[in-house]
């Protein structure tokens, strides 16, 4: 039973770590393209200038 619980905890930890890594990558891509990152939404430079 302990092995199952340990496996579930490790899978949940890996999932959360992957989500955080993905979010950071999207933010860096947005900023590198000249966009503005606001509350997990990338506003492209074309949208900001209008």
PDB file of N, CA and C in Angstrom:
ATOM      1  N   UNK A   1       0.821  -1.198   0.000  1.00  0.00           N
ATOM      2  CA  UNK A   1       0.000   0.000   0.000  1.00  0.00           C
ATOM      3  C   UNK A   1       0.866   1.264   0.000  1.00  0.00           C
ATOM      4  N   UNK A   2       1.974   1.193   0.754  1.00  0.00           N
ATOM      5  CA  UNK A   2       2.857   2.355   0.811  1.00  0.00           C
ATOM      6  C   UNK A   2       3.465   2.658  -0.557  1.00  0.00           C
ATOM      7  N   UNK A   3       3.785   1.619  -1.306  1.00  0.00           N
ATOM      8  CA  UNK A   3       4.368   1.829  -2.637  1.00  0.00           C
ATOM      9  C   UNK A   3       3.395   2.567  -3.554  1.00  0.00           C
ATOM     10  N   UNK A   4       2.127   2.208  -3.488  1.00  0.00           N
ATOM     11  CA  UNK A   4       1.114   2.862  -4.318  1.00  0.00           C
ATOM     12  C   UNK A   4       0.993   4.334  -3.938  1.00  0.00           C
ATOM     13  N   UNK A   5       0.936   4.610  -2.646  1.00  0.00           N
ATOM     14  CA  UNK A   5       0.834   5.988  -2.179  1.00  0.00           C
ATOM     15  C   UNK A   5       2.070   6.792  -2.575  1.00  0.00           C
ATOM     16  N   UNK A   6       3.242   6.202  -2.416  1.00  0.00           N
ATOM     17  CA  UNK A   6       4.485   6.880  -2.786  1.00  0.00           C
ATOM     18  C   UNK A   6       4.513   7.171  -4.289  1.00  0.00           C
ATOM     19  N   UNK A   7       4.054   6.225  -5.088  1.00  0.00           N
ATOM     20  CA  UNK A   7       4.018   6.423  -6.534  1.00  0.00           C
ATOM     21  C   UNK A   7       3.070   7.563  -6.913  1.00  0.00           C
ATOM     22  N   UNK A   8       1.905   7.611  -6.302  1.00  0.00           N
ATOM     23  CA  UNK A   8       0.952   8.683  -6.580  1.00  0.00           C
ATOM     24  C   UNK A   8       1.516  10.046  -6.200  1.00  0.00           C
ATOM     25  N   UNK A   9       2.190  10.119  -5.071  1.00  0.00           N
ATOM     26  CA  UNK A   9       2.790  11.385  -4.647  1.00  0.00           C
ATOM     27  C   UNK A   9       3.883  11.815  -5.619  1.00  0.00           C
ATOM     28  N   UNK A  10       4.703  10.892  -6.059  1.00  0.00           N
ATOM     29  CA  UNK A  10       5.763  11.223  -7.017  1.00  0.00           C
ATOM     30  C   UNK A  10       5.191  11.665  -8.362  1.00  0.00           C
ATOM     31  N   UNK A  11       4.128  11.016  -8.804  1.00  0.00           N
ATOM     32  CA  UNK A  11       3.497  11.400 -10.073  1.00  0.00           C
ATOM     33  C   UNK A  11       2.889  12.795  -9.952  1.00  0.00           C
ATOM     34  N   UNK A  12       2.242  13.088  -8.835  1.00  0.00           N
ATOM     35  CA  UNK A  12       1.667  14.420  -8.640  1.00  0.00           C
ATOM     36  C   UNK A  12       2.760  15.481  -8.599  1.00  0.00           C
ATOM     37  N   UNK A  13       3.872  15.197  -7.937  1.00  0.00           N
ATOM     38  CA  UNK A  13       4.989  16.133  -7.885  1.00  0.00           C
ATOM     39  C   UNK A  13       5.554  16.388  -9.276  1.00  0.00           C
ATOM     40  N   UNK A  14       5.719  15.332 -10.065  1.00  0.00           N
ATOM     41  CA  UNK A  14       6.239  15.481 -11.425  1.00  0.00           C
ATOM     42  C   UNK A  14       5.286  16.294 -12.294  1.00  0.00           C
ATOM     43  N   UNK A  15       3.991  16.088 -12.124  1.00  0.00           N
ATOM     44  CA  UNK A  15       3.009  16.833 -12.900  1.00  0.00           C
ATOM     45  C   UNK A  15       3.077  18.323 -12.577  1.00  0.00           C
ATOM     46  N   UNK A  16       3.119  18.662 -11.307  1.00  0.00           N
ATOM     47  CA  UNK A  16       3.188  20.074 -10.898  1.00  0.00           C
ATOM     48  C   UNK A  16       4.490  20.702 -11.389  1.00  0.00           C
ATOM     49  N   UNK A  17       5.597  19.984 -11.276  1.00  0.00           N
ATOM     50  CA  UNK A  17       6.877  20.512 -11.754  1.00  0.00           C
ATOM     51  C   UNK A  17       6.831  20.751 -13.265  1.00  0.00           C
ATOM     52  N   UNK A  18       6.210  19.856 -13.997  1.00  0.00           N
ATOM     53  CA  UNK A  18       6.087  20.021 -15.445  1.00  0.00           C
ATOM     54  C   UNK A  18       5.221  21.217 -15.814  1.00  0.00           C
ATOM     55  N   UNK A  19       4.150  21.432 -15.072  1.00  0.00           N
ATOM     56  CA  UNK A  19       3.286  22.588 -15.332  1.00  0.00           C
ATOM     57  C   UNK A  19       4.033  23.892 -15.079  1.00  0.00           C
ATOM     58  N   UNK A  20       4.796  23.953 -13.994  1.00  0.00           N
ATOM     59  CA  UNK A  20       5.560  25.168 -13.689  1.00  0.00           C
ATOM     60  C   UNK A  20       6.637  25.416 -14.749  1.00  0.00           C
ATOM     61  N   UNK A  21       7.290  24.355 -15.190  1.00  0.00           N
ATOM     62  CA  UNK A  21       8.315  24.480 -16.228  1.00  0.00           C
ATOM     63  C   UNK A  21       7.695  24.985 -17.530  1.00  0.00           C
ATOM     64  N   UNK A  22       6.549  24.454 -17.897  1.00  0.00           N
ATOM     65  CA  UNK A  22       5.844  24.857 -19.121  1.00  0.00           C
ATOM     66  C   UNK A  22       5.433  26.321 -19.056  1.00  0.00           C
ATOM     67  N   UNK A  23       4.910  26.738 -17.913  1.00  0.00           N
ATOM     68  CA  UNK A  23       4.464  28.123 -17.748  1.00  0.00           C
ATOM     69  C   UNK A  23       5.641  29.092 -17.882  1.00  0.00           C
ATOM     70  N   UNK A  24       6.775  28.737 -17.288  1.00  0.00           N
ATOM     71  CA  UNK A  24       7.961  29.594 -17.377  1.00  0.00           C
ATOM     72  C   UNK A  24       8.431  29.696 -18.824  1.00  0.00           C
ATOM     73  N   UNK A  25       8.375  28.598 -19.559  1.00  0.00           N
ATOM     74  CA  UNK A  25       8.780  28.610 -20.965  1.00  0.00           C
ATOM     75  C   UNK A  25       7.882  29.494 -21.814  1.00  0.00           C
ATOM     76  N   UNK A  26       6.580  29.445 -21.555  1.00  0.00           N
ATOM     77  CA  UNK A  26       5.656  30.300 -22.303  1.00  0.00           C
ATOM     78  C   UNK A  26       5.910  31.770 -22.000  1.00  0.00           C
ATOM     79  N   UNK A  27       6.202  32.072 -20.743  1.00  0.00           N
ATOM     80  CA  UNK A  27       6.454  33.464 -20.365  1.00  0.00           C
ATOM     81  C   UNK A  27       7.723  33.984 -21.040  1.00  0.00           C
ATOM     82  N   UNK A  28       8.773  33.196 -21.059  1.00  0.00           N
ATOM     83  CA  UNK A  28      10.017  33.620 -21.710  1.00  0.00           C
ATOM     84  C   UNK A  28       9.820  33.808 -23.207  1.00  0.00           C
ATOM     85  N   UNK A  29       9.058  32.918 -23.838  1.00  0.00           N
ATOM     86  CA  UNK A  29       8.779  33.046 -25.268  1.00  0.00           C
ATOM     87  C   UNK A  29       7.989  34.316 -25.555  1.00  0.00           C
ATOM     88  N   UNK A  30       7.026  34.618 -24.712  1.00  0.00           N
ATOM     89  CA  UNK A  30       6.210  35.815 -24.884  1.00  0.00           C
ATOM     90  C   UNK A  30       7.066  37.071 -24.782  1.00  0.00           C
ATOM     91  N   UNK A  31       7.902  37.135 -23.749  1.00  0.00           N
ATOM     92  CA  UNK A  31       8.730  38.319 -23.545  1.00  0.00           C
ATOM     93  C   UNK A  31       9.794  38.457 -24.624  1.00  0.00           C
ATOM     94  N   UNK A  32      10.325  37.326 -25.121  1.00  0.00           N
ATOM     95  CA  UNK A  32      11.328  37.375 -26.187  1.00  0.00           C
ATOM     96  C   UNK A  32      10.714  37.891 -27.484  1.00  0.00           C
ATOM     97  N   UNK A  33       9.422  37.657 -27.683  1.00  0.00           N
ATOM     98  CA  UNK A  33       8.745  38.123 -28.885  1.00  0.00           C
ATOM     99  C   UNK A  33       8.210  39.538 -28.758  1.00  0.00           C
ATOM    100  N   UNK A  34       8.498  40.194 -27.645  1.00  0.00           N
ATOM    101  CA  UNK A  34       8.057  41.576 -27.478  1.00  0.00           C
ATOM    102  C   UNK A  34       6.668  41.700 -26.889  1.00  0.00           C
ATOM    103  N   UNK A  35       6.130  40.604 -26.383  1.00  0.00           N
ATOM    104  CA  UNK A  35       4.794  40.641 -25.799  1.00  0.00           C
ATOM    105  C   UNK A  35       4.828  41.047 -24.336  1.00  0.00           C
ATOM    106  N   UNK A  36       3.657  41.216 -23.773  1.00  0.00           N
ATOM    107  CA  UNK A  36       3.507  41.592 -22.375  1.00  0.00           C
ATOM    108  C   UNK A  36       2.763  40.472 -21.669  1.00  0.00           C
ATOM    109  N   UNK A  37       3.351  39.930 -20.596  1.00  0.00           N
ATOM    110  CA  UNK A  37       2.792  38.797 -19.871  1.00  0.00           C
ATOM    111  C   UNK A  37       1.961  39.323 -18.706  1.00  0.00           C
ATOM    112  N   UNK A  38       0.631  39.122 -18.770  1.00  0.00           N
ATOM    113  CA  UNK A  38      -0.265  39.598 -17.725  1.00  0.00           C
ATOM    114  C   UNK A  38      -1.161  38.436 -17.293  1.00  0.00           C
ATOM    115  N   UNK A  39      -1.041  38.017 -16.033  1.00  0.00           N
ATOM    116  CA  UNK A  39      -1.878  36.972 -15.445  1.00  0.00           C
ATOM    117  C   UNK A  39      -2.010  35.746 -16.350  1.00  0.00           C
ATOM    118  N   UNK A  40      -0.897  35.174 -16.740  1.00  0.00           N
ATOM    119  CA  UNK A  40      -0.840  33.967 -17.577  1.00  0.00           C
ATOM    120  C   UNK A  40      -1.396  34.166 -18.972  1.00  0.00           C
ATOM    121  N   UNK A  41      -1.453  35.390 -19.440  1.00  0.00           N
ATOM    122  CA  UNK A  41      -1.927  35.691 -20.807  1.00  0.00           C
ATOM    123  C   UNK A  41      -0.853  36.528 -21.483  1.00  0.00           C
ATOM    124  N   UNK A  42      -0.497  36.148 -22.698  1.00  0.00           N
ATOM    125  CA  UNK A  42       0.488  36.913 -23.457  1.00  0.00           C
ATOM    126  C   UNK A  42      -0.228  37.871 -24.384  1.00  0.00           C
ATOM    127  N   UNK A  43       0.042  39.138 -24.202  1.00  0.00           N
ATOM    128  CA  UNK A  43      -0.484  40.150 -25.115  1.00  0.00           C
ATOM    129  C   UNK A  43       0.612  40.481 -26.106  1.00  0.00           C
ATOM    130  N   UNK A  44       0.355  40.180 -27.365  1.00  0.00           N
ATOM    131  CA  UNK A  44       1.360  40.409 -28.409  1.00  0.00           C
ATOM    132  C   UNK A  44       1.574  41.902 -28.609  1.00  0.00           C
ATOM    133  N   UNK A  45       2.715  42.255 -29.127  1.00  0.00           N
ATOM    134  CA  UNK A  45       3.032  43.670 -29.312  1.00  0.00           C
ATOM    135  C   UNK A  45       2.050  44.339 -30.256  1.00  0.00           C
ATOM    136  N   UNK A  46       1.466  43.589 -31.206  1.00  0.00           N
ATOM    137  CA  UNK A  46       0.479  44.178 -32.114  1.00  0.00           C
ATOM    138  C   UNK A  46      -0.778  44.593 -31.342  1.00  0.00           C
ATOM    139  N   UNK A  47      -1.133  43.840 -30.327  1.00  0.00           N
ATOM    140  CA  UNK A  47      -2.325  44.145 -29.546  1.00  0.00           C
ATOM    141  C   UNK A  47      -2.085  45.314 -28.592  1.00  0.00           C
ATOM    142  N   UNK A  48      -0.861  45.465 -28.134  1.00  0.00           N
ATOM    143  CA  UNK A  48      -0.542  46.521 -27.155  1.00  0.00           C
ATOM    144  C   UNK A  48      -0.545  47.888 -27.831  1.00  0.00           C
ATOM    145  N   UNK A  49      -0.026  47.966 -29.058  1.00  0.00           N
ATOM    146  CA  UNK A  49       0.120  49.242 -29.757  1.00  0.00           C
ATOM    147  C   UNK A  49      -1.207  49.807 -30.257  1.00  0.00           C
ATOM    148  N   UNK A  50      -2.217  48.983 -30.377  1.00  0.00           N
ATOM    149  CA  UNK A  50      -3.481  49.448 -30.918  1.00  0.00           C
ATOM    150  C   UNK A  50      -4.309  50.168 -29.891  1.00  0.00           C
TER     151      UNK A  50
END
